[in-house]
């Protein structure tokens, strides 16, 4: 080929041939990537930050295996987020991907103010005072953005600073509303560090003024998922849903579990939410660290039982912020999340600030693919609950997955209007590839968060047989099915009545 190009004297022809060769190579690479992606069930969420906020780096992350991009509204201006959203939307238009966008609200995160210099060293038994009056912090006094701090805390309660690196205990609540504390675990106190109050029930609202402003921006950008930080009760979710509904938003809500209070009403929070994130950072500060593994396992189990996507987040591959290989413990952490049945695993600083964003995603993808070779990942032994209001549809989805396993089906194809059928089929963790069709355009991207689901837009309303045949042909055209393959179809009839899923059909591809 090189010799042929050399002999081609016409520069224009040579240029066209080079373009053609490049086009063919790109298409081959894309097909290879798509083959890998369609066989990986557990989804990957990557946080966008300074290390990966350009078109080239974001498309590189998509090729590496990212299904959802997280925008952290604790950092960055709206115009910066808007630029990233525009890039992701362009990628979805240009390529056969349905990459979702997750907006993560800051929530009532407590932080100290500015501290002099590079920070101040606190020694054991030092006394430090938290004040409502803005000031540059010293060893003796520091500003805390919490107006009712003096009302909520009690003498003897513990305060953790900078993810628990510094610990103090409240010693006195002053008449001027300042609060003094004795240092029990010393350390360097620097500016804007976070505060955790594991023994205090805070009175701050779930949605701050900043969150409300961010929500207005998010709604204007048609973002797919909104994550609510520091959820304490199902009311927090209800309040956010009311705001989204009033403003005409179709965004689905993720409840971040990172407060002890949330565990007291976990079932109700799961039912009120569309998905759950196990935010192990703040949760591991607020609770004894030895409790976190079983809490994670319990949350995953409860979410799967209720067909709610569940995300495992924080420090999954943190060593790869600087290194090119993860720690062995991090490899095991990701593997265990997959084995336990998590819908998605999330990268934070690893991609937002790390030196090797694409490499860390590729490494995580390889771990996922290897673990998903194990049979224990699939066909969770869940039985539809007779008391569920959607019991009949649940039973049908369960049996569709059971039949798919019995006949070793090459695909399960479902249809959904609300997303419920897609989430329910996914919750049974079928080994067969899972393809979901919907006429709700916003759902196509939203379903990218759900385990094993590949979604397609489809809005025809003809007979059920025609729809089934049409959908099989669409999947065939994408080289995901071939003649002779066995497919399990689910749907509802009569089609025009938009009833819950009520039909199963076994189809042999012609």
Protein backbone atom coordinates (compact mmCIF):
# COMPACT_ATOMS: atom_id res chain seq x y z
CA UNK A 1 0.00 0.00 0.00
CA UNK A 2 2.84 2.40 0.88
CA UNK A 3 4.54 1.60 -2.46
CA UNK A 4 1.25 2.22 -4.26
CA UNK A 5 0.83 5.60 -2.61
CA UNK A 6 4.41 6.51 -3.49
CA UNK A 7 3.81 5.67 -7.12
CA UNK A 8 0.63 7.72 -7.17
CA UNK A 9 1.81 10.99 -8.62
CA UNK A 10 -1.48 12.84 -8.37
CA UNK A 11 -1.46 14.58 -5.01
CA UNK A 12 -5.25 14.86 -4.93
CA UNK A 13 -5.71 11.13 -5.50
CA UNK A 14 -3.06 10.36 -2.90
CA UNK A 15 -4.82 12.59 -0.39
CA UNK A 16 -8.17 10.93 -1.07
CA UNK A 17 -6.63 7.47 -0.65
CA UNK A 18 -5.04 8.48 2.63
CA UNK A 19 -8.38 9.85 3.85
CA UNK A 20 -10.08 6.60 2.85
CA UNK A 21 -7.47 4.48 4.66
CA UNK A 22 -7.82 6.66 7.76
CA UNK A 23 -11.63 6.37 7.58
CA UNK A 24 -11.45 2.57 7.34
CA UNK A 25 -9.03 2.36 10.27
CA UNK A 26 -11.29 4.59 12.41
CA UNK A 27 -14.33 2.45 11.58
CA UNK A 28 -12.47 -0.76 12.45
CA UNK A 29 -11.39 0.74 15.78
CA UNK A 30 -14.95 1.90 16.48
CA UNK A 31 -16.35 -1.57 15.74
CA UNK A 32 -13.79 -3.15 18.05
CA UNK A 33 -14.65 -0.69 20.80
CA UNK A 34 -18.37 -1.26 20.32
CA UNK A 35 -17.81 -5.03 20.55
CA UNK A 36 -16.05 -4.63 23.89
CA UNK A 37 -18.63 -2.16 25.20
CA UNK A 38 -21.64 -4.29 24.29
CA UNK A 39 -20.19 -7.20 26.23
CA UNK A 40 -19.50 -5.23 29.41
CA UNK A 41 -22.46 -5.12 31.79
CA UNK A 42 -21.26 -2.96 34.69
CA UNK A 43 -21.22 0.71 33.74
CA UNK A 44 -18.40 3.21 34.33
CA UNK A 45 -18.97 6.79 35.51
CA UNK A 46 -16.14 9.29 35.11
CA UNK A 47 -15.94 12.73 36.71
CA UNK A 48 -14.98 15.55 34.36
CA UNK A 49 -12.38 18.02 35.57
CA UNK A 50 -9.33 19.97 34.39
CA UNK A 51 -7.54 16.76 33.37
CA UNK A 52 -10.19 15.72 30.85
CA UNK A 53 -12.42 18.63 29.83
CA UNK A 54 -11.57 18.87 26.12
CA UNK A 55 -13.27 17.14 23.18
CA UNK A 56 -10.25 14.94 22.47
CA UNK A 57 -9.92 13.77 26.07
CA UNK A 58 -13.65 13.19 26.58
CA UNK A 59 -14.01 11.14 23.37
CA UNK A 60 -10.90 9.23 24.48
CA UNK A 61 -12.64 8.39 27.75
CA UNK A 62 -15.73 7.23 25.85
CA UNK A 63 -13.60 4.91 23.72
CA UNK A 64 -11.97 3.64 26.91
CA UNK A 65 -15.36 2.61 28.30
CA UNK A 66 -17.13 5.54 30.02
CA UNK A 67 -20.94 5.30 29.97
CA UNK A 68 -21.82 8.31 32.14
CA UNK A 69 -20.00 11.58 32.79
CA UNK A 70 -20.33 13.23 36.20
CA UNK A 71 -20.23 16.99 36.59
CA UNK A 72 -19.31 17.94 40.15
CA UNK A 73 -21.12 21.17 41.03
CA UNK A 74 -18.96 21.62 44.12
CA UNK A 75 -16.39 22.94 41.63
CA UNK A 76 -16.45 24.86 38.38
CA UNK A 77 -18.53 27.67 36.93
CA UNK A 78 -21.71 27.14 34.94
CA UNK A 79 -20.01 28.18 31.71
CA UNK A 80 -17.37 25.49 32.24
CA UNK A 81 -20.03 22.82 32.79
CA UNK A 82 -21.96 24.09 29.75
CA UNK A 83 -18.88 23.63 27.54
CA UNK A 84 -18.48 20.02 28.71
CA UNK A 85 -22.19 19.30 28.20
CA UNK A 86 -21.93 20.63 24.65
CA UNK A 87 -19.00 18.29 23.96
CA UNK A 88 -20.87 15.23 25.28
CA UNK A 89 -23.98 16.13 23.27
CA UNK A 90 -21.85 16.44 20.11
CA UNK A 91 -20.30 13.04 20.74
CA UNK A 92 -23.75 11.48 21.11
CA UNK A 93 -24.78 13.04 17.80
CA UNK A 94 -21.62 12.02 15.94
CA UNK A 95 -21.15 8.48 17.27
CA UNK A 96 -23.38 5.48 18.11
CA UNK A 97 -23.21 6.18 21.83
CA UNK A 98 -25.83 7.18 24.42
CA UNK A 99 -23.55 8.78 26.97
CA UNK A 100 -25.48 10.09 29.97
CA UNK A 101 -24.69 13.19 32.04
CA UNK A 102 -24.93 13.18 35.85
CA UNK A 103 -25.05 16.50 37.69
CA UNK A 104 -23.84 16.10 41.27
CA UNK A 105 -25.17 18.86 43.55
CA UNK A 106 -22.93 20.10 46.34
CA UNK A 107 -25.62 19.92 49.02
CA UNK A 108 -25.14 21.23 52.59
CA UNK A 109 -21.41 20.53 52.72
CA UNK A 110 -19.85 22.38 55.64
CA UNK A 111 -16.51 24.07 55.09
CA UNK A 112 -14.22 26.35 57.06
CA UNK A 113 -13.12 29.67 55.54
CA UNK A 114 -9.71 30.91 54.50
CA UNK A 115 -6.75 30.10 56.74
CA UNK A 116 -3.58 32.17 56.91
CA UNK A 117 -0.60 31.09 54.83
CA UNK A 118 -0.49 27.50 53.62
CA UNK A 119 -2.31 26.47 56.79
CA UNK A 120 -1.82 26.34 60.55
CA UNK A 121 -0.56 23.39 62.56
CA UNK A 122 -2.94 22.31 65.31
CA UNK A 123 -1.40 20.45 68.25
CA UNK A 124 -3.12 18.05 70.62
CA UNK A 125 -5.11 19.82 73.37
CA UNK A 126 -5.09 23.13 71.48
CA UNK A 127 -8.34 25.07 71.67
CA UNK A 128 -9.84 26.31 68.42
CA UNK A 129 -12.98 28.45 68.10
CA UNK A 130 -15.48 28.30 65.24
CA UNK A 131 -17.12 31.64 64.50
CA UNK A 132 -19.90 32.95 62.26
CA UNK A 133 -17.95 36.14 61.61
CA UNK A 134 -15.87 36.00 58.44
CA UNK A 135 -12.16 36.13 59.17
CA UNK A 136 -8.83 34.72 58.06
CA UNK A 137 -8.33 31.60 60.17
CA UNK A 138 -5.60 31.18 62.76
CA UNK A 139 -4.65 28.51 65.31
CA UNK A 140 -7.18 30.12 67.70
CA UNK A 141 -10.16 30.96 65.49
CA UNK A 142 -11.64 29.94 62.12
CA UNK A 143 -14.76 30.90 60.15
CA UNK A 144 -17.48 28.26 59.63
CA UNK A 145 -20.33 28.76 57.15
CA UNK A 146 -23.08 27.36 59.37
CA UNK A 147 -25.42 29.96 60.98
CA UNK A 148 -27.13 27.50 63.37
CA UNK A 149 -23.98 25.65 64.36
CA UNK A 150 -24.24 26.75 68.00
CA UNK A 151 -27.86 25.56 68.18
CA UNK A 152 -27.32 22.10 66.68
CA UNK A 153 -24.15 20.96 68.45
CA UNK A 154 -23.67 19.92 72.06
CA UNK A 155 -20.65 19.92 74.36
CA UNK A 156 -18.69 16.66 73.97
CA UNK A 157 -19.68 16.04 70.34
CA UNK A 158 -17.01 15.22 67.79
CA UNK A 159 -16.06 17.39 64.79
CA UNK A 160 -14.01 15.94 61.94
CA UNK A 161 -12.05 18.21 59.62
CA UNK A 162 -10.52 17.41 56.20
CA UNK A 163 -12.07 13.92 55.87
CA UNK A 164 -11.18 13.04 59.45
CA UNK A 165 -7.49 13.97 59.30
CA UNK A 166 -8.15 16.38 62.22
CA UNK A 167 -10.53 15.65 65.10
CA UNK A 168 -11.79 18.06 67.76
CA UNK A 169 -14.40 17.82 70.53
CA UNK A 170 -16.71 20.65 71.51
CA UNK A 171 -15.77 22.11 74.88
CA UNK A 172 -17.87 25.28 75.12
CA UNK A 173 -20.75 27.09 73.38
CA UNK A 174 -20.40 30.84 73.95
CA UNK A 175 -23.12 33.47 74.37
CA UNK A 176 -21.97 35.22 71.19
CA UNK A 177 -22.69 31.91 69.30
CA UNK A 178 -19.03 31.01 68.88
CA UNK A 179 -18.16 27.35 69.56
CA UNK A 180 -14.84 26.25 71.08
CA UNK A 181 -13.33 22.78 70.74
CA UNK A 182 -10.30 20.84 72.02
CA UNK A 183 -8.02 19.20 69.43
CA UNK A 184 -7.89 15.42 69.96
CA UNK A 185 -6.20 14.43 66.68
CA UNK A 186 -3.76 17.12 65.51
CA UNK A 187 -2.87 18.09 61.96
CA UNK A 188 -2.38 20.87 59.42
CA UNK A 189 -5.53 23.00 59.05
CA UNK A 190 -5.71 24.64 55.63
CA UNK A 191 -8.30 26.73 53.78
CA UNK A 192 -11.75 25.55 52.66
CA UNK A 193 -11.53 22.10 54.24
CA UNK A 194 -14.73 20.14 54.77
CA UNK A 195 -16.40 19.58 58.14
CA UNK A 196 -18.22 16.41 59.23
CA UNK A 197 -20.45 16.17 62.32
CA UNK A 198 -21.05 12.43 62.84
CA UNK A 199 -22.71 12.89 66.25
CA UNK A 200 -24.85 15.90 65.34
CA UNK A 201 -28.21 16.16 63.60
CA UNK A 202 -27.79 19.24 61.48
CA UNK A 203 -30.72 21.52 60.68
CA UNK A 204 -29.47 22.72 57.29
CA UNK A 205 -31.87 22.18 54.37
CA UNK A 206 -31.02 19.46 51.84
CA UNK A 207 -30.98 22.07 49.06
CA UNK A 208 -28.91 25.19 49.60
CA UNK A 209 -29.22 28.47 47.69
CA UNK A 210 -26.30 27.38 45.53
CA UNK A 211 -28.05 24.06 44.80
CA UNK A 212 -31.23 25.86 43.71
CA UNK A 213 -29.24 28.06 41.32
CA UNK A 214 -27.43 24.98 39.99
CA UNK A 215 -30.75 23.17 39.50
CA UNK A 216 -32.04 26.01 37.31
CA UNK A 217 -28.92 25.68 35.17
CA UNK A 218 -29.19 21.87 35.08
CA UNK A 219 -32.81 21.98 33.93
CA UNK A 220 -31.88 24.37 31.14
CA UNK A 221 -29.23 21.91 29.94
CA UNK A 222 -31.59 18.86 29.88
CA UNK A 223 -29.21 16.81 32.02
CA UNK A 224 -30.17 13.14 32.49
CA UNK A 225 -29.47 12.47 36.20
CA UNK A 226 -29.27 14.73 39.26
CA UNK A 227 -27.46 13.48 42.37
CA UNK A 228 -28.58 14.92 45.70
CA UNK A 229 -25.81 15.04 48.32
CA UNK A 230 -26.16 14.31 52.05
CA UNK A 231 -29.66 12.86 51.82
CA UNK A 232 -31.13 12.35 55.29
CA UNK A 233 -34.74 11.38 54.58
CA UNK A 234 -37.13 10.59 51.69
CA UNK A 235 -38.50 14.13 52.09
CA UNK A 236 -35.21 15.47 50.70
CA UNK A 237 -35.86 13.48 47.51
CA UNK A 238 -39.52 14.53 47.40
CA UNK A 239 -38.55 18.21 47.65
CA UNK A 240 -36.10 17.93 44.76
CA UNK A 241 -38.59 15.96 42.64
CA UNK A 242 -41.23 18.62 43.21
CA UNK A 243 -38.84 21.32 41.97
CA UNK A 244 -37.87 19.31 38.89
CA UNK A 245 -41.50 18.49 38.08
CA UNK A 246 -42.63 22.11 38.51
CA UNK A 247 -39.98 23.22 36.04
CA UNK A 248 -40.82 20.51 33.50
CA UNK A 249 -37.61 18.51 33.91
CA UNK A 250 -37.40 14.79 33.05
CA UNK A 251 -34.18 14.32 35.02
CA UNK A 252 -34.04 11.30 37.30
CA UNK A 253 -32.80 11.56 40.89
CA UNK A 254 -29.87 9.78 42.55
CA UNK A 255 -29.80 9.78 46.35
CA UNK A 256 -26.27 9.89 47.73
CA UNK A 257 -25.96 7.83 50.90
CA UNK A 258 -23.29 9.54 53.02
CA UNK A 259 -25.03 10.37 56.32
CA UNK A 260 -25.83 7.98 59.20
CA UNK A 261 -29.41 9.33 59.26
CA UNK A 262 -29.96 7.99 55.74
CA UNK A 263 -29.31 4.43 56.91
CA UNK A 264 -32.13 4.73 59.45
CA UNK A 265 -34.68 5.15 56.63
CA UNK A 266 -32.78 3.48 53.79
CA UNK A 267 -35.76 1.53 52.43
CA UNK A 268 -37.89 4.66 52.15
CA UNK A 269 -35.06 6.62 50.47
CA UNK A 270 -34.55 3.83 47.92
CA UNK A 271 -38.26 3.79 47.11
CA UNK A 272 -38.37 7.59 46.76
CA UNK A 273 -35.30 7.75 44.48
CA UNK A 274 -34.59 6.62 40.93
CA UNK A 275 -31.09 5.42 41.83
CA UNK A 276 -28.69 5.28 44.77
CA UNK A 277 -25.03 6.24 45.13
CA UNK A 278 -22.96 4.75 47.94
CA UNK A 279 -20.74 7.80 48.56
CA UNK A 280 -18.09 6.12 50.67
CA UNK A 281 -16.00 9.26 51.24
CA UNK A 282 -18.18 11.16 53.68
CA UNK A 283 -19.90 7.94 54.80
CA UNK A 284 -16.53 6.55 55.87
CA UNK A 285 -15.85 9.72 57.86
CA UNK A 286 -19.25 9.83 59.54
CA UNK A 287 -19.24 6.14 60.50
CA UNK A 288 -16.59 3.70 61.75
CA UNK A 289 -14.68 2.60 58.64
CA UNK A 290 -15.02 -1.09 59.48
CA UNK A 291 -18.79 -0.81 58.95
CA UNK A 292 -18.57 0.46 55.36
CA UNK A 293 -18.09 -2.89 53.50
CA UNK A 294 -21.26 -4.46 54.91
CA UNK A 295 -23.22 -1.23 54.50
CA UNK A 296 -22.19 -1.20 50.84
CA UNK A 297 -23.19 -4.83 50.39
CA UNK A 298 -26.55 -4.25 52.09
CA UNK A 299 -27.38 -1.18 49.99
CA UNK A 300 -26.54 -3.00 46.74
CA UNK A 301 -28.77 -5.93 47.73
CA UNK A 302 -31.72 -3.68 48.63
CA UNK A 303 -31.39 -1.67 45.40
CA UNK A 304 -31.32 -4.78 43.21
CA UNK A 305 -34.43 -6.10 44.99
CA UNK A 306 -36.25 -2.86 44.16
CA UNK A 307 -34.88 -2.51 40.61
CA UNK A 308 -33.06 0.73 41.40
CA UNK A 309 -29.61 1.31 39.85
CA UNK A 310 -26.85 1.51 42.45
CA UNK A 311 -23.47 3.24 42.08
CA UNK A 312 -20.34 2.58 44.14
CA UNK A 313 -18.21 5.71 44.46
CA UNK A 314 -15.09 7.22 46.03
CA UNK A 315 -11.46 6.13 46.02
CA UNK A 316 -11.97 3.14 43.76
CA UNK A 317 -8.68 3.62 41.89
CA UNK A 318 -7.27 6.65 43.71
CA UNK A 319 -3.63 5.61 43.45
CA UNK A 320 -3.92 6.04 39.67
CA UNK A 321 -4.27 9.81 40.09
CA UNK A 322 -0.49 9.70 39.88
CA UNK A 323 0.47 6.09 39.13
CA UNK A 324 0.01 4.03 35.96
CA UNK A 325 -1.12 0.93 37.86
CA UNK A 326 -3.63 0.55 40.70
CA UNK A 327 -3.00 -0.95 44.10
CA UNK A 328 -3.98 -4.60 44.49
CA UNK A 329 -6.56 -3.57 47.08
CA UNK A 330 -8.17 -1.18 44.55
CA UNK A 331 -8.39 -3.97 41.97
CA UNK A 332 -10.15 -6.13 44.53
CA UNK A 333 -12.44 -3.23 45.52
CA UNK A 334 -13.65 -2.79 41.93
CA UNK A 335 -13.98 -6.56 41.48
CA UNK A 336 -16.06 -6.91 44.66
CA UNK A 337 -18.41 -4.11 43.56
CA UNK A 338 -19.01 -6.01 40.31
CA UNK A 339 -19.48 -9.35 42.12
CA UNK A 340 -21.93 -7.76 44.58
CA UNK A 341 -24.03 -6.55 41.65
CA UNK A 342 -23.40 -2.81 41.42
CA UNK A 343 -24.88 -1.19 38.31
CA UNK A 344 -21.99 1.24 38.02
CA UNK A 345 -18.62 2.11 39.52
CA UNK A 346 -17.51 5.73 39.66
CA UNK A 347 -14.20 7.52 39.23
CA UNK A 348 -13.73 10.94 40.83
CA UNK A 349 -10.30 12.54 41.16
CA UNK A 350 -8.83 9.71 39.07
CA UNK A 351 -10.27 11.25 35.89
CA UNK A 352 -11.00 14.83 37.04
CA UNK A 353 -7.47 15.62 38.19
CA UNK A 354 -5.42 12.51 37.47
CA UNK A 355 -2.42 12.24 35.19
CA UNK A 356 -3.82 9.27 33.22
CA UNK A 357 -7.62 9.63 32.80
CA UNK A 358 -8.02 7.25 29.84
CA UNK A 359 -5.64 4.69 31.29
CA UNK A 360 -7.55 4.47 34.58
CA UNK A 361 -10.82 3.90 32.68
CA UNK A 362 -9.20 1.24 30.50
CA UNK A 363 -7.82 -0.47 33.61
CA UNK A 364 -11.20 -0.41 35.34
CA UNK A 365 -12.86 -1.74 32.18
CA UNK A 366 -10.39 -4.66 32.03
CA UNK A 367 -11.12 -5.54 35.68
CA UNK A 368 -14.87 -5.45 35.02
CA UNK A 369 -14.58 -7.61 31.90
CA UNK A 370 -12.49 -10.20 33.72
CA UNK A 371 -14.85 -10.43 36.72
CA UNK A 372 -17.92 -10.65 34.46
CA UNK A 373 -16.61 -13.98 33.15
CA UNK A 374 -17.77 -15.44 36.48
CA UNK A 375 -21.20 -17.10 36.51
CA UNK A 376 -21.97 -15.74 39.98
CA UNK A 377 -22.40 -12.25 38.48
CA UNK A 378 -25.53 -13.33 36.58
CA UNK A 379 -29.10 -14.46 37.18
CA UNK A 380 -29.59 -13.17 40.71
CA UNK A 381 -32.08 -15.35 42.51
CA UNK A 382 -34.70 -12.67 42.99
CA UNK A 383 -38.38 -13.52 43.18
CA UNK A 384 -41.04 -10.92 42.31
CA UNK A 385 -42.85 -9.67 45.40
CA UNK A 386 -46.59 -10.38 45.38
CA UNK A 387 -47.32 -7.21 47.37
CA UNK A 388 -45.70 -5.01 44.72
CA UNK A 389 -48.18 -2.84 42.76
CA UNK A 390 -46.34 -3.89 39.59
CA UNK A 391 -46.25 -7.59 40.53
CA UNK A 392 -47.67 -8.90 37.23
CA UNK A 393 -45.14 -6.98 35.12
CA UNK A 394 -42.36 -7.90 37.54
CA UNK A 395 -43.27 -11.58 37.22
CA UNK A 396 -43.23 -11.33 33.45
CA UNK A 397 -39.78 -9.69 33.43
CA UNK A 398 -38.52 -12.35 35.84
CA UNK A 399 -39.76 -15.14 33.61
CA UNK A 400 -38.37 -13.48 30.48
CA UNK A 401 -34.92 -13.58 32.08
CA UNK A 402 -35.48 -17.14 33.33
CA UNK A 403 -36.46 -18.33 29.84
CA UNK A 404 -33.47 -16.49 28.35
CA UNK A 405 -31.20 -18.41 30.73
CA UNK A 406 -32.97 -21.74 30.01
CA UNK A 407 -32.64 -21.44 26.20
CA UNK A 408 -29.30 -19.57 26.25
CA UNK A 409 -30.89 -16.67 24.37
CA UNK A 410 -28.73 -14.33 22.34
CA UNK A 411 -30.69 -11.28 23.46
CA UNK A 412 -33.55 -9.99 25.58
CA UNK A 413 -35.47 -7.13 23.96
CA UNK A 414 -37.81 -4.97 26.01
CA UNK A 415 -39.89 -1.84 25.54
CA UNK A 416 -40.49 0.88 28.10
CA UNK A 417 -42.12 4.29 28.49
CA UNK A 418 -41.03 5.17 32.01
CA UNK A 419 -37.83 3.13 32.16
CA UNK A 420 -39.29 0.69 34.71
CA UNK A 421 -39.22 -2.37 32.45
CA UNK A 422 -35.59 -1.66 31.56
CA UNK A 423 -34.59 -1.30 35.22
CA UNK A 424 -36.60 -4.38 36.20
CA UNK A 425 -35.13 -6.64 33.49
CA UNK A 426 -31.69 -5.37 34.45
CA UNK A 427 -32.26 -6.15 38.15
CA UNK A 428 -32.43 -9.89 37.40
CA UNK A 429 -28.91 -9.59 35.97
CA UNK A 430 -29.47 -11.75 32.84
CA UNK A 431 -26.43 -13.10 31.05
CA UNK A 432 -28.05 -12.47 27.67
CA UNK A 433 -27.45 -9.02 26.17
CA UNK A 434 -30.25 -6.64 27.13
CA UNK A 435 -31.64 -4.20 24.53
CA UNK A 436 -34.32 -1.72 25.55
CA UNK A 437 -36.42 0.37 23.13
CA UNK A 438 -38.27 3.52 24.14
CA UNK A 439 -40.03 6.42 22.47
CA UNK A 440 -38.95 8.66 25.36
CA UNK A 441 -35.77 10.28 24.05
CA UNK A 442 -34.52 11.30 27.51
CA UNK A 443 -34.67 7.67 28.65
CA UNK A 444 -32.23 6.53 25.97
CA UNK A 445 -29.35 8.21 27.78
CA UNK A 446 -30.74 7.66 31.29
CA UNK A 447 -30.74 3.91 30.79
CA UNK A 448 -26.98 4.05 30.19
CA UNK A 449 -26.63 3.96 33.97
CA UNK A 450 -28.45 0.64 34.30
CA UNK A 451 -26.53 -2.64 34.41
CA UNK A 452 -26.28 -4.41 31.05
CA UNK A 453 -28.76 -2.13 29.25
CA UNK A 454 -28.20 -0.81 25.75
CA UNK A 455 -31.02 1.54 24.79
CA UNK A 456 -32.49 2.62 21.44
CA UNK A 457 -35.01 5.22 20.39
CA UNK A 458 -38.16 3.79 18.76
CA UNK A 459 -41.51 5.54 18.36
CA UNK A 460 -43.57 3.46 15.93
CA UNK A 461 -47.00 2.31 17.08
CA UNK A 462 -47.97 -0.59 14.85
CA UNK A 463 -48.91 -4.15 15.79
CA UNK A 464 -46.81 -5.89 18.43
CA UNK A 465 -45.57 -8.47 15.91
CA UNK A 466 -44.46 -5.70 13.55
CA UNK A 467 -42.71 -3.87 16.39
CA UNK A 468 -40.89 -7.03 17.48
CA UNK A 469 -39.76 -7.83 13.93
CA UNK A 470 -38.73 -4.21 13.39
CA UNK A 471 -36.66 -4.07 16.57
CA UNK A 472 -34.90 -7.34 15.74
CA UNK A 473 -33.99 -5.95 12.31
CA UNK A 474 -32.61 -2.78 13.94
CA UNK A 475 -30.37 -4.83 16.23
CA UNK A 476 -29.33 -7.07 13.31
CA UNK A 477 -28.31 -3.98 11.33
CA UNK A 478 -25.96 -3.04 14.16
CA UNK A 479 -24.35 -6.51 13.97
CA UNK A 480 -25.58 -7.39 17.44
CA UNK A 481 -27.72 -10.29 16.18
CA UNK A 482 -27.46 -12.73 13.28
CA UNK A 483 -29.67 -15.26 11.52
CA UNK A 484 -30.44 -18.26 13.75
CA UNK A 485 -30.07 -16.37 17.04
CA UNK A 486 -32.77 -16.80 19.69
CA UNK A 487 -34.38 -13.67 21.15
CA UNK A 488 -36.73 -13.19 24.11
CA UNK A 489 -39.07 -10.26 23.45
CA UNK A 490 -41.18 -8.44 26.03
CA UNK A 491 -43.87 -5.90 25.28
CA UNK A 492 -47.46 -4.89 25.89
CA UNK A 493 -50.62 -5.35 23.86
CA UNK A 494 -52.76 -3.64 22.68
CA UNK A 495 -49.90 -1.35 21.71
CA UNK A 496 -51.97 1.83 21.55
CA UNK A 497 -53.13 1.48 25.17
CA UNK A 498 -49.55 1.74 26.54
CA UNK A 499 -50.18 -0.87 29.22
CA UNK A 500 -47.49 -2.26 31.55
CA UNK A 501 -45.44 -5.12 30.09
CA UNK A 502 -47.79 -8.10 29.62
CA UNK A 503 -46.31 -10.23 26.83
CA UNK A 504 -43.36 -12.59 26.29
CA UNK A 505 -42.41 -13.97 22.90
CA UNK A 506 -39.56 -16.25 21.82
CA UNK A 507 -38.27 -15.40 18.35
CA UNK A 508 -35.72 -17.15 16.15
CA UNK A 509 -33.97 -14.56 14.00
CA UNK A 510 -34.58 -15.06 10.26
